[in-house]
């Protein structure tokens, strides 16, 4: 009997040139349910332990059960949808059962074939509707190659914007910038190199006078299909 896994290792080199890494292993359990196990180098550094060790059960469009083993912190994500005239409103509720016990509700709707709006409300310690708890995101498909995205956080009045451009059938570039943390990033995605799944390489940096003087943080991840 052959068992198939998707294995996605990642490597990160920060601005101080310190390297770290991790891995995600995914397996299809059937009935559209996927098991994911995520770990970082903290899990094995100095001996095997549970730091940064996560186990997820995911059924796309229905539910996610995420368990942070190191912090004994489970998180539940529930998905549903509702029809509003000719539109479909897709809802997502996220709740951390331990730790900070953060929670949120997200509603997403395609306005037309080129525009999608997403409203996320932070419901942690909920005491009533408050605009400051909201984040509004807008996606616009400019053409067959380019997608624009902007997200406004009403709590701290910050904007996060990105441009995603498909260069050809194998390569895609994404540029992003946030006014809150002043962080900018450039991501290259390739579907062809090395076989298997996508290769993603990202360079990110603080776009400030001091941040521009340091090397960017570099991350790379690649998915392979492994049969045992």
N, C-alpha and C. Protein backbone atom coordinates (compact mmCIF):
# COMPACT_ATOMS: atom_id res chain seq x y z
N UNK A 1 0.84 -1.20 0.00
CA UNK A 1 0.00 0.00 0.00
C UNK A 1 0.87 1.24 0.00
N UNK A 2 0.62 2.15 -0.93
CA UNK A 2 1.40 3.38 -1.04
C UNK A 2 0.68 4.54 -0.37
N UNK A 3 1.41 5.26 0.47
CA UNK A 3 0.86 6.44 1.16
C UNK A 3 1.57 7.68 0.61
N UNK A 4 0.79 8.70 0.25
CA UNK A 4 1.33 9.90 -0.38
C UNK A 4 1.28 11.08 0.59
N UNK A 5 2.39 11.81 0.66
CA UNK A 5 2.48 13.00 1.50
C UNK A 5 2.95 14.19 0.65
N UNK A 6 2.48 15.38 1.01
CA UNK A 6 3.05 16.62 0.48
C UNK A 6 3.99 17.15 1.55
N UNK A 7 5.26 17.32 1.20
CA UNK A 7 6.27 17.78 2.15
C UNK A 7 6.74 19.16 1.72
N UNK A 8 6.63 20.13 2.64
CA UNK A 8 7.01 21.51 2.32
C UNK A 8 8.01 22.04 3.35
N UNK A 9 9.32 21.93 3.07
CA UNK A 9 10.32 22.53 3.96
C UNK A 9 10.44 24.03 3.68
N UNK A 10 10.90 24.78 4.68
CA UNK A 10 11.13 26.21 4.48
C UNK A 10 12.40 26.63 5.20
N UNK A 11 13.01 27.68 4.67
CA UNK A 11 14.25 28.23 5.23
C UNK A 11 14.11 29.74 5.33
N UNK A 12 14.54 30.32 6.45
CA UNK A 12 14.46 31.75 6.67
C UNK A 12 15.80 32.28 7.16
N UNK A 13 16.27 33.35 6.54
CA UNK A 13 17.48 34.05 6.98
C UNK A 13 17.09 35.49 7.28
N UNK A 14 17.21 35.90 8.55
CA UNK A 14 16.74 37.23 8.93
C UNK A 14 17.79 38.30 8.67
N UNK A 15 17.47 39.54 9.07
CA UNK A 15 18.35 40.66 8.79
C UNK A 15 19.68 40.58 9.53
N UNK A 16 19.73 39.77 10.58
CA UNK A 16 20.98 39.56 11.33
C UNK A 16 21.74 38.34 10.82
N UNK A 17 21.28 37.81 9.69
CA UNK A 17 21.89 36.66 9.03
C UNK A 17 21.82 35.39 9.87
N UNK A 18 20.79 35.30 10.70
CA UNK A 18 20.55 34.09 11.47
C UNK A 18 19.52 33.25 10.73
N UNK A 19 19.84 31.98 10.57
CA UNK A 19 18.98 31.08 9.78
C UNK A 19 18.07 30.26 10.69
N UNK A 20 16.88 29.99 10.20
CA UNK A 20 15.95 29.11 10.89
C UNK A 20 15.15 28.38 9.81
N UNK A 21 14.48 27.32 10.21
CA UNK A 21 13.75 26.54 9.21
C UNK A 21 12.58 25.82 9.82
N UNK A 22 11.84 25.15 8.96
CA UNK A 22 10.68 24.39 9.42
C UNK A 22 10.20 23.46 8.33
N UNK A 23 9.13 22.75 8.61
CA UNK A 23 8.59 21.81 7.64
C UNK A 23 7.10 21.62 7.89
N UNK A 24 6.36 21.40 6.81
CA UNK A 24 4.95 21.02 6.91
C UNK A 24 4.74 19.75 6.11
N UNK A 25 4.08 18.77 6.73
CA UNK A 25 3.77 17.51 6.08
C UNK A 25 2.25 17.37 6.02
N UNK A 26 1.71 17.16 4.83
CA UNK A 26 0.27 17.05 4.64
C UNK A 26 -0.08 15.69 4.06
N UNK A 27 -1.24 15.17 4.49
CA UNK A 27 -1.71 13.88 3.99
C UNK A 27 -3.22 13.90 3.86
N UNK A 28 -3.72 13.47 2.71
CA UNK A 28 -5.16 13.40 2.44
C UNK A 28 -5.75 12.18 3.14
N UNK A 29 -6.64 12.42 4.10
CA UNK A 29 -7.25 11.32 4.86
C UNK A 29 -8.50 10.78 4.20
N UNK A 30 -8.93 11.42 3.09
CA UNK A 30 -10.17 11.03 2.44
C UNK A 30 -11.33 11.90 2.91
N UNK A 31 -12.43 11.84 2.16
CA UNK A 31 -13.61 12.66 2.49
C UNK A 31 -13.27 14.14 2.58
N UNK A 32 -12.30 14.59 1.76
CA UNK A 32 -11.87 16.00 1.69
C UNK A 32 -11.23 16.50 2.97
N UNK A 33 -10.77 15.60 3.84
CA UNK A 33 -10.11 15.99 5.08
C UNK A 33 -8.60 15.80 4.93
N UNK A 34 -7.84 16.84 5.30
CA UNK A 34 -6.39 16.80 5.20
C UNK A 34 -5.76 16.94 6.58
N UNK A 35 -4.79 16.09 6.87
CA UNK A 35 -4.00 16.17 8.10
C UNK A 35 -2.71 16.92 7.79
N UNK A 36 -2.41 17.94 8.60
CA UNK A 36 -1.17 18.69 8.43
C UNK A 36 -0.40 18.71 9.75
N UNK A 37 0.89 18.45 9.65
CA UNK A 37 1.78 18.53 10.81
C UNK A 37 2.86 19.57 10.50
N UNK A 38 2.97 20.58 11.37
CA UNK A 38 3.93 21.65 11.15
C UNK A 38 4.91 21.73 12.32
N UNK A 39 6.17 21.93 12.00
CA UNK A 39 7.20 22.04 13.03
C UNK A 39 8.29 22.98 12.55
N UNK A 40 9.05 23.52 13.49
CA UNK A 40 10.20 24.37 13.15
C UNK A 40 11.46 23.74 13.73
N UNK A 41 12.58 24.39 13.48
CA UNK A 41 13.83 23.85 14.04
C UNK A 41 13.84 23.93 15.56
N UNK A 42 12.97 24.76 16.16
CA UNK A 42 12.87 24.78 17.62
C UNK A 42 12.36 23.45 18.17
N UNK A 43 11.65 22.69 17.34
CA UNK A 43 11.08 21.42 17.78
C UNK A 43 12.17 20.38 18.04
N UNK A 44 13.28 20.49 17.33
CA UNK A 44 14.34 19.47 17.46
C UNK A 44 15.64 20.04 18.01
N UNK A 45 15.75 21.37 18.09
CA UNK A 45 16.99 21.97 18.58
C UNK A 45 17.19 21.66 20.07
N UNK A 46 18.33 21.07 20.40
CA UNK A 46 18.62 20.72 21.79
C UNK A 46 17.85 19.52 22.29
N UNK A 47 17.31 18.72 21.36
CA UNK A 47 16.51 17.56 21.74
C UNK A 47 15.07 17.72 21.31
N UNK A 48 14.41 16.61 21.07
CA UNK A 48 13.04 16.64 20.58
C UNK A 48 12.08 17.19 21.63
N UNK A 49 11.27 18.19 21.25
CA UNK A 49 10.29 18.76 22.16
C UNK A 49 9.10 19.25 21.34
N UNK A 50 8.13 19.86 22.02
CA UNK A 50 6.88 20.23 21.35
C UNK A 50 6.82 21.70 20.95
N UNK A 51 7.88 22.46 21.12
CA UNK A 51 7.88 23.88 20.73
C UNK A 51 7.61 24.00 19.23
N UNK A 52 6.68 24.88 18.86
CA UNK A 52 6.33 25.15 17.46
C UNK A 52 5.81 23.91 16.73
N UNK A 53 5.26 22.96 17.46
CA UNK A 53 4.69 21.76 16.84
C UNK A 53 3.16 21.92 16.78
N UNK A 54 2.62 21.84 15.57
CA UNK A 54 1.19 22.03 15.34
C UNK A 54 0.62 20.85 14.56
N UNK A 55 -0.61 20.47 14.90
CA UNK A 55 -1.34 19.45 14.16
C UNK A 55 -2.68 20.05 13.73
N UNK A 56 -2.99 19.95 12.43
CA UNK A 56 -4.21 20.52 11.88
C UNK A 56 -5.03 19.45 11.16
N UNK A 57 -6.34 19.50 11.35
CA UNK A 57 -7.28 18.74 10.53
C UNK A 57 -8.12 19.76 9.76
N UNK A 58 -8.11 19.65 8.43
CA UNK A 58 -8.75 20.67 7.60
C UNK A 58 -9.68 20.02 6.59
N UNK A 59 -10.91 20.51 6.53
CA UNK A 59 -11.81 20.19 5.45
C UNK A 59 -12.19 21.50 4.80
N UNK A 60 -11.64 21.74 3.60
CA UNK A 60 -11.79 23.03 2.94
C UNK A 60 -13.25 23.42 2.82
N UNK A 61 -13.53 24.67 3.23
CA UNK A 61 -14.87 25.18 3.12
C UNK A 61 -15.82 24.73 4.21
N UNK A 62 -15.33 23.92 5.17
CA UNK A 62 -16.20 23.40 6.23
C UNK A 62 -15.64 23.70 7.62
N UNK A 63 -14.44 23.16 7.93
CA UNK A 63 -13.89 23.39 9.27
C UNK A 63 -12.38 23.21 9.27
N UNK A 64 -11.76 23.76 10.32
CA UNK A 64 -10.34 23.56 10.59
C UNK A 64 -10.18 23.36 12.10
N UNK A 65 -9.46 22.34 12.48
CA UNK A 65 -9.11 22.11 13.87
C UNK A 65 -7.60 22.20 13.99
N UNK A 66 -7.12 23.24 14.65
CA UNK A 66 -5.69 23.50 14.77
C UNK A 66 -5.27 23.33 16.23
N UNK A 67 -4.22 22.55 16.46
CA UNK A 67 -3.77 22.31 17.83
C UNK A 67 -2.29 22.65 17.95
N UNK A 68 -2.00 23.70 18.73
CA UNK A 68 -0.64 24.09 19.07
C UNK A 68 -0.22 23.24 20.26
N UNK A 69 0.54 22.17 20.02
CA UNK A 69 0.86 21.20 21.06
C UNK A 69 1.76 21.83 22.13
N UNK A 70 2.73 22.63 21.72
CA UNK A 70 3.65 23.23 22.67
C UNK A 70 2.97 24.11 23.69
N UNK A 71 1.95 24.85 23.27
CA UNK A 71 1.24 25.75 24.18
C UNK A 71 -0.09 25.18 24.64
N UNK A 72 -0.38 23.91 24.26
CA UNK A 72 -1.64 23.27 24.62
C UNK A 72 -2.82 24.18 24.27
N UNK A 73 -2.81 24.68 23.03
CA UNK A 73 -3.77 25.70 22.62
C UNK A 73 -4.49 25.29 21.34
N UNK A 74 -5.73 24.77 21.46
CA UNK A 74 -6.50 24.43 20.26
C UNK A 74 -7.23 25.66 19.71
N UNK A 75 -7.41 25.66 18.39
CA UNK A 75 -8.17 26.71 17.71
C UNK A 75 -9.16 26.05 16.76
N UNK A 76 -10.39 26.56 16.74
CA UNK A 76 -11.44 26.04 15.88
C UNK A 76 -11.80 27.10 14.85
N UNK A 77 -11.90 26.70 13.59
CA UNK A 77 -12.34 27.59 12.51
C UNK A 77 -13.51 26.92 11.81
N UNK A 78 -14.63 27.60 11.74
CA UNK A 78 -15.83 27.08 11.11
C UNK A 78 -16.19 27.91 9.88
N UNK A 79 -16.56 27.23 8.79
CA UNK A 79 -16.93 27.90 7.55
C UNK A 79 -18.39 27.62 7.22
N UNK A 80 -19.06 28.60 6.66
CA UNK A 80 -20.42 28.41 6.16
C UNK A 80 -20.67 29.45 5.08
N UNK A 81 -21.82 29.39 4.45
CA UNK A 81 -22.16 30.35 3.40
C UNK A 81 -23.66 30.57 3.38
N UNK A 82 -24.05 31.70 2.82
CA UNK A 82 -25.47 32.04 2.71
C UNK A 82 -25.70 32.79 1.42
N UNK A 83 -26.85 32.57 0.81
CA UNK A 83 -27.20 33.25 -0.42
C UNK A 83 -27.92 34.56 -0.13
N UNK A 84 -27.46 35.64 -0.77
CA UNK A 84 -28.11 36.94 -0.65
C UNK A 84 -28.44 37.40 -2.07
N UNK A 85 -29.70 37.22 -2.44
CA UNK A 85 -30.14 37.44 -3.82
C UNK A 85 -29.28 36.57 -4.74
N UNK A 86 -28.53 37.19 -5.65
CA UNK A 86 -27.72 36.40 -6.58
C UNK A 86 -26.28 36.22 -6.10
N UNK A 87 -25.97 36.72 -4.89
CA UNK A 87 -24.61 36.67 -4.37
C UNK A 87 -24.48 35.59 -3.30
N UNK A 88 -23.25 35.15 -3.08
CA UNK A 88 -22.95 34.19 -2.02
C UNK A 88 -22.05 34.85 -0.98
N UNK A 89 -22.50 34.86 0.25
CA UNK A 89 -21.70 35.39 1.36
C UNK A 89 -21.03 34.22 2.06
N UNK A 90 -19.71 34.22 2.06
CA UNK A 90 -18.95 33.15 2.70
C UNK A 90 -18.48 33.65 4.07
N UNK A 91 -18.85 32.89 5.11
CA UNK A 91 -18.56 33.29 6.48
C UNK A 91 -17.52 32.35 7.10
N UNK A 92 -16.68 32.95 7.97
CA UNK A 92 -15.68 32.16 8.69
C UNK A 92 -15.59 32.66 10.13
N UNK A 93 -15.70 31.74 11.07
CA UNK A 93 -15.57 32.09 12.49
C UNK A 93 -14.34 31.39 13.06
N UNK A 94 -13.48 32.15 13.71
CA UNK A 94 -12.24 31.62 14.27
C UNK A 94 -12.22 31.89 15.77
N UNK A 95 -11.86 30.86 16.54
CA UNK A 95 -11.87 31.02 18.00
C UNK A 95 -10.73 30.21 18.62
N UNK A 96 -9.89 30.89 19.40
CA UNK A 96 -8.84 30.24 20.16
C UNK A 96 -9.42 29.83 21.51
N UNK A 97 -9.34 28.54 21.83
CA UNK A 97 -9.95 28.03 23.05
C UNK A 97 -9.08 28.25 24.28
N UNK A 98 -7.79 28.52 24.08
CA UNK A 98 -6.87 28.75 25.20
C UNK A 98 -5.98 29.94 24.86
N UNK A 99 -5.05 30.24 25.74
CA UNK A 99 -4.12 31.33 25.48
C UNK A 99 -4.82 32.68 25.51
N UNK A 100 -4.62 33.47 24.46
CA UNK A 100 -5.23 34.80 24.38
C UNK A 100 -6.72 34.75 24.07
N UNK A 101 -7.22 33.57 23.69
CA UNK A 101 -8.64 33.36 23.39
C UNK A 101 -9.18 34.39 22.40
N UNK A 102 -8.37 34.67 21.37
CA UNK A 102 -8.81 35.61 20.34
C UNK A 102 -9.87 34.96 19.46
N UNK A 103 -10.76 35.78 18.94
CA UNK A 103 -11.80 35.28 18.05
C UNK A 103 -12.12 36.34 17.00
N UNK A 104 -12.66 35.89 15.88
CA UNK A 104 -13.00 36.83 14.80
C UNK A 104 -14.07 36.20 13.91
N UNK A 105 -14.81 37.08 13.24
CA UNK A 105 -15.80 36.68 12.24
C UNK A 105 -15.44 37.36 10.93
N UNK A 106 -15.45 36.59 9.86
CA UNK A 106 -15.10 37.11 8.54
C UNK A 106 -16.22 36.85 7.55
N UNK A 107 -16.57 37.86 6.78
CA UNK A 107 -17.54 37.71 5.71
C UNK A 107 -16.92 38.11 4.38
N UNK A 108 -17.09 37.27 3.36
CA UNK A 108 -16.46 37.50 2.06
C UNK A 108 -17.49 37.34 0.96
N UNK A 109 -17.51 38.32 0.03
CA UNK A 109 -18.50 38.26 -1.05
C UNK A 109 -17.89 38.80 -2.35
N UNK A 110 -18.17 38.08 -3.44
CA UNK A 110 -17.77 38.56 -4.77
C UNK A 110 -18.79 39.58 -5.22
N UNK A 111 -18.35 40.84 -5.36
CA UNK A 111 -19.25 41.90 -5.79
C UNK A 111 -19.61 41.73 -7.26
N UNK A 112 -18.62 41.39 -8.07
CA UNK A 112 -18.82 41.05 -9.48
C UNK A 112 -17.67 40.14 -9.89
N UNK A 113 -17.48 39.93 -11.19
CA UNK A 113 -16.45 38.98 -11.62
C UNK A 113 -15.03 39.52 -11.46
N UNK A 114 -14.88 40.79 -11.07
CA UNK A 114 -13.55 41.36 -10.89
C UNK A 114 -13.27 41.85 -9.47
N UNK A 115 -14.29 41.98 -8.65
CA UNK A 115 -14.11 42.58 -7.32
C UNK A 115 -14.68 41.69 -6.22
N UNK A 116 -13.88 41.56 -5.13
CA UNK A 116 -14.29 40.79 -3.96
C UNK A 116 -14.02 41.61 -2.71
N UNK A 117 -15.02 41.69 -1.83
CA UNK A 117 -14.88 42.43 -0.57
C UNK A 117 -14.87 41.45 0.60
N UNK A 118 -14.00 41.73 1.58
CA UNK A 118 -13.91 40.90 2.78
C UNK A 118 -13.92 41.80 4.01
N UNK A 119 -14.82 41.54 4.93
CA UNK A 119 -14.88 42.28 6.19
C UNK A 119 -14.58 41.33 7.34
N UNK A 120 -13.57 41.68 8.14
CA UNK A 120 -13.21 40.88 9.30
C UNK A 120 -13.45 41.69 10.56
N UNK A 121 -14.16 41.10 11.52
CA UNK A 121 -14.47 41.76 12.79
C UNK A 121 -13.80 40.99 13.92
N UNK A 122 -12.96 41.69 14.68
CA UNK A 122 -12.31 41.09 15.85
C UNK A 122 -13.34 41.02 16.97
N UNK A 123 -13.72 39.80 17.36
CA UNK A 123 -14.74 39.62 18.40
C UNK A 123 -14.15 39.21 19.75
N UNK A 124 -12.84 39.38 19.91
CA UNK A 124 -12.20 39.08 21.19
C UNK A 124 -12.76 40.01 22.27
N UNK A 125 -13.17 39.47 23.40
CA UNK A 125 -13.77 40.27 24.48
C UNK A 125 -14.90 41.14 23.94
N UNK A 126 -15.74 40.56 23.13
CA UNK A 126 -16.79 41.31 22.44
C UNK A 126 -17.77 41.96 23.42
N UNK A 127 -18.03 43.26 23.21
CA UNK A 127 -18.97 43.99 24.06
C UNK A 127 -19.93 44.83 23.24
N UNK A 128 -19.92 44.64 21.92
CA UNK A 128 -20.80 45.40 21.05
C UNK A 128 -20.09 45.77 19.76
N UNK A 129 -20.87 46.14 18.75
CA UNK A 129 -20.29 46.51 17.47
C UNK A 129 -19.41 47.74 17.60
N UNK A 130 -18.23 47.67 16.99
CA UNK A 130 -17.28 48.77 17.06
C UNK A 130 -16.49 48.80 15.76
N UNK A 131 -16.53 49.93 15.07
CA UNK A 131 -15.82 50.06 13.80
C UNK A 131 -14.33 49.82 13.96
N UNK A 132 -13.79 50.14 15.14
CA UNK A 132 -12.36 49.97 15.36
C UNK A 132 -11.94 48.50 15.38
N UNK A 133 -12.91 47.61 15.47
CA UNK A 133 -12.59 46.18 15.48
C UNK A 133 -12.61 45.57 14.08
N UNK A 134 -12.79 46.43 13.07
CA UNK A 134 -13.00 45.93 11.71
C UNK A 134 -11.76 46.12 10.82
N UNK A 135 -11.61 45.20 9.89
CA UNK A 135 -10.64 45.32 8.80
C UNK A 135 -11.38 45.04 7.49
N UNK A 136 -11.27 45.96 6.55
CA UNK A 136 -11.94 45.83 5.26
C UNK A 136 -10.90 45.59 4.18
N UNK A 137 -11.08 44.50 3.44
CA UNK A 137 -10.14 44.15 2.37
C UNK A 137 -10.88 44.11 1.03
N UNK A 138 -10.20 44.63 0.00
CA UNK A 138 -10.79 44.66 -1.34
C UNK A 138 -9.81 44.05 -2.34
N UNK A 139 -10.30 43.08 -3.11
CA UNK A 139 -9.51 42.47 -4.18
C UNK A 139 -10.08 42.89 -5.53
N UNK A 140 -9.20 43.28 -6.43
CA UNK A 140 -9.63 43.68 -7.77
C UNK A 140 -8.78 42.97 -8.80
N UNK A 141 -9.43 42.20 -9.68
CA UNK A 141 -8.75 41.53 -10.78
C UNK A 141 -8.64 42.52 -11.93
N UNK A 142 -7.45 43.11 -12.07
CA UNK A 142 -7.27 44.17 -13.05
C UNK A 142 -7.40 43.65 -14.47
N UNK A 143 -6.76 42.51 -14.73
CA UNK A 143 -6.84 41.85 -16.03
C UNK A 143 -6.48 40.38 -15.84
N UNK A 144 -6.19 39.69 -16.93
CA UNK A 144 -5.88 38.26 -16.83
C UNK A 144 -4.57 37.98 -16.10
N UNK A 145 -3.75 39.01 -15.92
CA UNK A 145 -2.41 38.81 -15.36
C UNK A 145 -2.20 39.45 -13.99
N UNK A 146 -2.95 40.49 -13.67
CA UNK A 146 -2.64 41.30 -12.49
C UNK A 146 -3.83 41.41 -11.54
N UNK A 147 -3.55 41.21 -10.24
CA UNK A 147 -4.55 41.34 -9.20
C UNK A 147 -4.08 42.35 -8.17
N UNK A 148 -4.97 43.25 -7.75
CA UNK A 148 -4.67 44.26 -6.75
C UNK A 148 -5.42 43.94 -5.46
N UNK A 149 -4.79 44.24 -4.33
CA UNK A 149 -5.44 44.01 -3.04
C UNK A 149 -5.09 45.14 -2.08
N UNK A 150 -6.08 45.62 -1.35
CA UNK A 150 -5.87 46.65 -0.33
C UNK A 150 -6.70 46.29 0.90
N UNK A 151 -6.09 46.42 2.09
CA UNK A 151 -6.78 46.12 3.35
C UNK A 151 -6.59 47.28 4.31
N UNK A 152 -7.70 47.79 4.85
CA UNK A 152 -7.65 48.90 5.78
C UNK A 152 -8.06 48.43 7.17
N UNK A 153 -7.15 48.63 8.14
CA UNK A 153 -7.41 48.27 9.53
C UNK A 153 -7.92 49.50 10.26
N UNK A 154 -9.19 49.47 10.69
CA UNK A 154 -9.79 50.64 11.34
C UNK A 154 -9.29 50.84 12.76
N UNK A 155 -8.69 49.81 13.36
CA UNK A 155 -8.21 49.94 14.73
C UNK A 155 -7.00 50.85 14.82
N UNK A 156 -6.07 50.71 13.89
CA UNK A 156 -4.87 51.55 13.93
C UNK A 156 -4.71 52.40 12.67
N UNK A 157 -5.77 52.45 11.84
CA UNK A 157 -5.76 53.30 10.64
C UNK A 157 -4.54 53.04 9.77
N UNK A 158 -4.34 51.78 9.43
CA UNK A 158 -3.20 51.40 8.59
C UNK A 158 -3.70 50.69 7.34
N UNK A 159 -2.90 50.78 6.30
CA UNK A 159 -3.23 50.18 5.01
C UNK A 159 -2.19 49.14 4.64
N UNK A 160 -2.65 48.01 4.14
CA UNK A 160 -1.76 46.98 3.59
C UNK A 160 -2.19 46.76 2.15
N UNK A 161 -1.28 46.95 1.20
CA UNK A 161 -1.61 46.86 -0.21
C UNK A 161 -0.62 45.94 -0.93
N UNK A 162 -1.10 45.29 -1.99
CA UNK A 162 -0.23 44.40 -2.76
C UNK A 162 -0.65 44.36 -4.22
N UNK A 163 0.32 44.02 -5.06
CA UNK A 163 0.09 43.81 -6.48
C UNK A 163 0.63 42.43 -6.82
N UNK A 164 -0.22 41.58 -7.38
CA UNK A 164 0.16 40.21 -7.74
C UNK A 164 0.08 40.09 -9.26
N UNK A 165 1.23 39.78 -9.90
CA UNK A 165 1.29 39.77 -11.37
C UNK A 165 1.79 38.42 -11.87
N UNK A 166 1.02 37.80 -12.75
CA UNK A 166 1.43 36.55 -13.38
C UNK A 166 2.29 36.87 -14.60
N UNK A 167 3.58 36.54 -14.50
CA UNK A 167 4.53 36.84 -15.57
C UNK A 167 4.31 35.92 -16.76
N UNK A 168 4.18 34.61 -16.48
CA UNK A 168 3.87 33.62 -17.51
C UNK A 168 3.22 32.43 -16.82
N UNK A 169 3.11 31.32 -17.52
CA UNK A 169 2.40 30.17 -16.97
C UNK A 169 3.12 29.54 -15.78
N UNK A 170 4.40 29.87 -15.57
CA UNK A 170 5.18 29.25 -14.49
C UNK A 170 5.61 30.23 -13.41
N UNK A 171 5.57 31.52 -13.67
CA UNK A 171 6.15 32.50 -12.74
C UNK A 171 5.15 33.59 -12.38
N UNK A 172 5.21 33.99 -11.10
CA UNK A 172 4.36 35.05 -10.60
C UNK A 172 5.16 35.92 -9.63
N UNK A 173 4.92 37.23 -9.64
CA UNK A 173 5.57 38.16 -8.73
C UNK A 173 4.51 38.89 -7.90
N UNK A 174 4.83 39.12 -6.63
CA UNK A 174 3.92 39.84 -5.76
C UNK A 174 4.70 40.86 -4.94
N UNK A 175 4.25 42.11 -4.99
CA UNK A 175 4.85 43.20 -4.22
C UNK A 175 3.82 43.65 -3.18
N UNK A 176 4.26 43.81 -1.92
CA UNK A 176 3.34 44.22 -0.85
C UNK A 176 4.01 45.25 0.04
N UNK A 177 3.17 46.11 0.65
CA UNK A 177 3.69 47.12 1.59
C UNK A 177 2.61 47.44 2.61
N UNK A 178 3.03 47.62 3.87
CA UNK A 178 2.11 47.99 4.94
C UNK A 178 2.53 49.29 5.58
N UNK A 179 1.58 50.21 5.75
CA UNK A 179 1.90 51.51 6.34
C UNK A 179 2.10 51.41 7.85
N UNK A 180 1.58 50.35 8.48
CA UNK A 180 1.72 50.22 9.92
C UNK A 180 3.12 49.83 10.35
N UNK A 181 3.61 48.72 9.85
CA UNK A 181 4.94 48.25 10.22
C UNK A 181 6.03 48.71 9.25
N UNK A 182 5.63 49.45 8.20
CA UNK A 182 6.57 49.95 7.18
C UNK A 182 7.32 48.81 6.50
N UNK A 183 6.71 47.63 6.47
CA UNK A 183 7.38 46.47 5.89
C UNK A 183 6.96 46.28 4.44
N UNK A 184 7.96 46.12 3.58
CA UNK A 184 7.71 45.85 2.17
C UNK A 184 8.29 44.50 1.79
N UNK A 185 7.66 43.84 0.83
CA UNK A 185 8.14 42.51 0.44
C UNK A 185 7.99 42.30 -1.06
N UNK A 186 8.85 41.44 -1.58
CA UNK A 186 8.80 41.00 -2.97
C UNK A 186 8.84 39.49 -2.96
N UNK A 187 7.83 38.86 -3.58
CA UNK A 187 7.73 37.40 -3.58
C UNK A 187 7.71 36.88 -5.01
N UNK A 188 8.52 35.86 -5.24
CA UNK A 188 8.56 35.18 -6.55
C UNK A 188 8.05 33.76 -6.35
N UNK A 189 7.09 33.36 -7.17
CA UNK A 189 6.53 32.02 -7.13
C UNK A 189 6.76 31.33 -8.46
N UNK A 190 7.29 30.10 -8.41
CA UNK A 190 7.55 29.34 -9.62
C UNK A 190 6.92 27.96 -9.50
N UNK A 191 6.26 27.51 -10.56
CA UNK A 191 5.58 26.22 -10.56
C UNK A 191 6.34 25.13 -11.30
N UNK A 192 7.55 25.43 -11.77
CA UNK A 192 8.24 24.51 -12.68
C UNK A 192 9.54 23.95 -12.12
N UNK A 193 10.32 24.76 -11.39
CA UNK A 193 11.65 24.35 -10.96
C UNK A 193 11.60 23.20 -9.95
N UNK A 194 12.39 22.18 -10.17
CA UNK A 194 12.55 21.10 -9.22
C UNK A 194 11.41 20.11 -9.15
N UNK A 195 10.40 20.24 -10.00
CA UNK A 195 9.27 19.33 -9.95
C UNK A 195 8.43 19.55 -8.71
N UNK A 196 7.42 18.73 -8.54
CA UNK A 196 6.56 18.86 -7.36
C UNK A 196 5.70 20.10 -7.43
N UNK A 197 5.51 20.74 -6.28
CA UNK A 197 4.65 21.91 -6.20
C UNK A 197 5.41 23.22 -6.33
N UNK A 198 4.80 24.27 -5.83
CA UNK A 198 5.34 25.62 -6.01
C UNK A 198 6.61 25.86 -5.20
N UNK A 199 7.49 26.67 -5.77
CA UNK A 199 8.64 27.24 -5.05
C UNK A 199 8.33 28.71 -4.81
N UNK A 200 8.45 29.13 -3.54
CA UNK A 200 8.23 30.53 -3.20
C UNK A 200 9.48 31.10 -2.53
N UNK A 201 9.94 32.24 -3.05
CA UNK A 201 11.08 32.94 -2.47
C UNK A 201 10.63 34.37 -2.17
N UNK A 202 10.82 34.81 -0.92
CA UNK A 202 10.35 36.12 -0.50
C UNK A 202 11.48 36.91 0.14
N UNK A 203 11.60 38.18 -0.25
CA UNK A 203 12.52 39.11 0.40
C UNK A 203 11.68 40.22 1.03
N UNK A 204 11.88 40.46 2.32
CA UNK A 204 11.11 41.48 3.02
C UNK A 204 12.04 42.35 3.85
N UNK A 205 11.65 43.62 4.00
CA UNK A 205 12.50 44.56 4.73
C UNK A 205 11.68 45.71 5.25
N UNK A 206 12.13 46.31 6.34
CA UNK A 206 11.53 47.54 6.82
C UNK A 206 11.98 48.67 5.89
N UNK A 207 11.02 49.37 5.29
CA UNK A 207 11.37 50.43 4.34
C UNK A 207 11.50 51.76 5.07
N UNK A 208 12.47 51.77 5.99
CA UNK A 208 12.84 52.96 6.74
C UNK A 208 14.32 53.22 6.49
N UNK A 209 14.81 54.36 6.96
CA UNK A 209 16.23 54.68 6.75
C UNK A 209 17.13 53.62 7.35
N UNK A 210 16.84 53.18 8.57
CA UNK A 210 17.67 52.15 9.21
C UNK A 210 17.44 50.79 8.56
N UNK A 211 16.18 50.47 8.25
CA UNK A 211 15.87 49.18 7.67
C UNK A 211 16.50 48.97 6.31
N UNK A 212 16.60 50.03 5.51
CA UNK A 212 17.18 49.92 4.18
C UNK A 212 18.69 49.70 4.21
N UNK A 213 19.31 49.94 5.36
CA UNK A 213 20.75 49.75 5.48
C UNK A 213 21.12 48.30 5.80
N UNK A 214 20.12 47.49 6.12
CA UNK A 214 20.37 46.11 6.48
C UNK A 214 19.89 45.19 5.36
N UNK A 215 20.42 43.99 5.35
CA UNK A 215 19.99 43.02 4.34
C UNK A 215 18.54 42.61 4.62
N UNK A 216 17.77 42.30 3.58
CA UNK A 216 16.39 41.89 3.80
C UNK A 216 16.30 40.50 4.42
N UNK A 217 15.17 40.21 5.01
CA UNK A 217 14.89 38.86 5.48
C UNK A 217 14.47 38.01 4.29
N UNK A 218 15.11 36.87 4.12
CA UNK A 218 14.86 36.00 2.97
C UNK A 218 14.20 34.70 3.45
N UNK A 219 13.14 34.31 2.77
CA UNK A 219 12.49 33.03 3.07
C UNK A 219 12.28 32.26 1.77
N UNK A 220 12.37 30.96 1.86
CA UNK A 220 12.15 30.09 0.70
C UNK A 220 11.41 28.85 1.15
N UNK A 221 10.42 28.41 0.36
CA UNK A 221 9.71 27.17 0.66
C UNK A 221 9.37 26.46 -0.64
N UNK A 222 9.34 25.14 -0.57
CA UNK A 222 9.12 24.33 -1.75
C UNK A 222 8.32 23.09 -1.37
N UNK A 223 7.35 22.70 -2.19
CA UNK A 223 6.53 21.52 -1.93
C UNK A 223 6.95 20.37 -2.83
N UNK A 224 7.12 19.18 -2.21
CA UNK A 224 7.37 17.96 -2.97
C UNK A 224 6.32 16.91 -2.62
N UNK A 225 6.03 16.06 -3.56
CA UNK A 225 5.10 14.95 -3.36
C UNK A 225 5.93 13.70 -3.10
N UNK A 226 5.71 13.07 -1.93
CA UNK A 226 6.51 11.92 -1.51
C UNK A 226 5.59 10.71 -1.33
N UNK A 227 5.99 9.57 -1.90
CA UNK A 227 5.23 8.33 -1.75
C UNK A 227 6.04 7.34 -0.92
N UNK A 228 5.37 6.73 0.05
CA UNK A 228 6.03 5.74 0.93
C UNK A 228 5.30 4.40 0.81
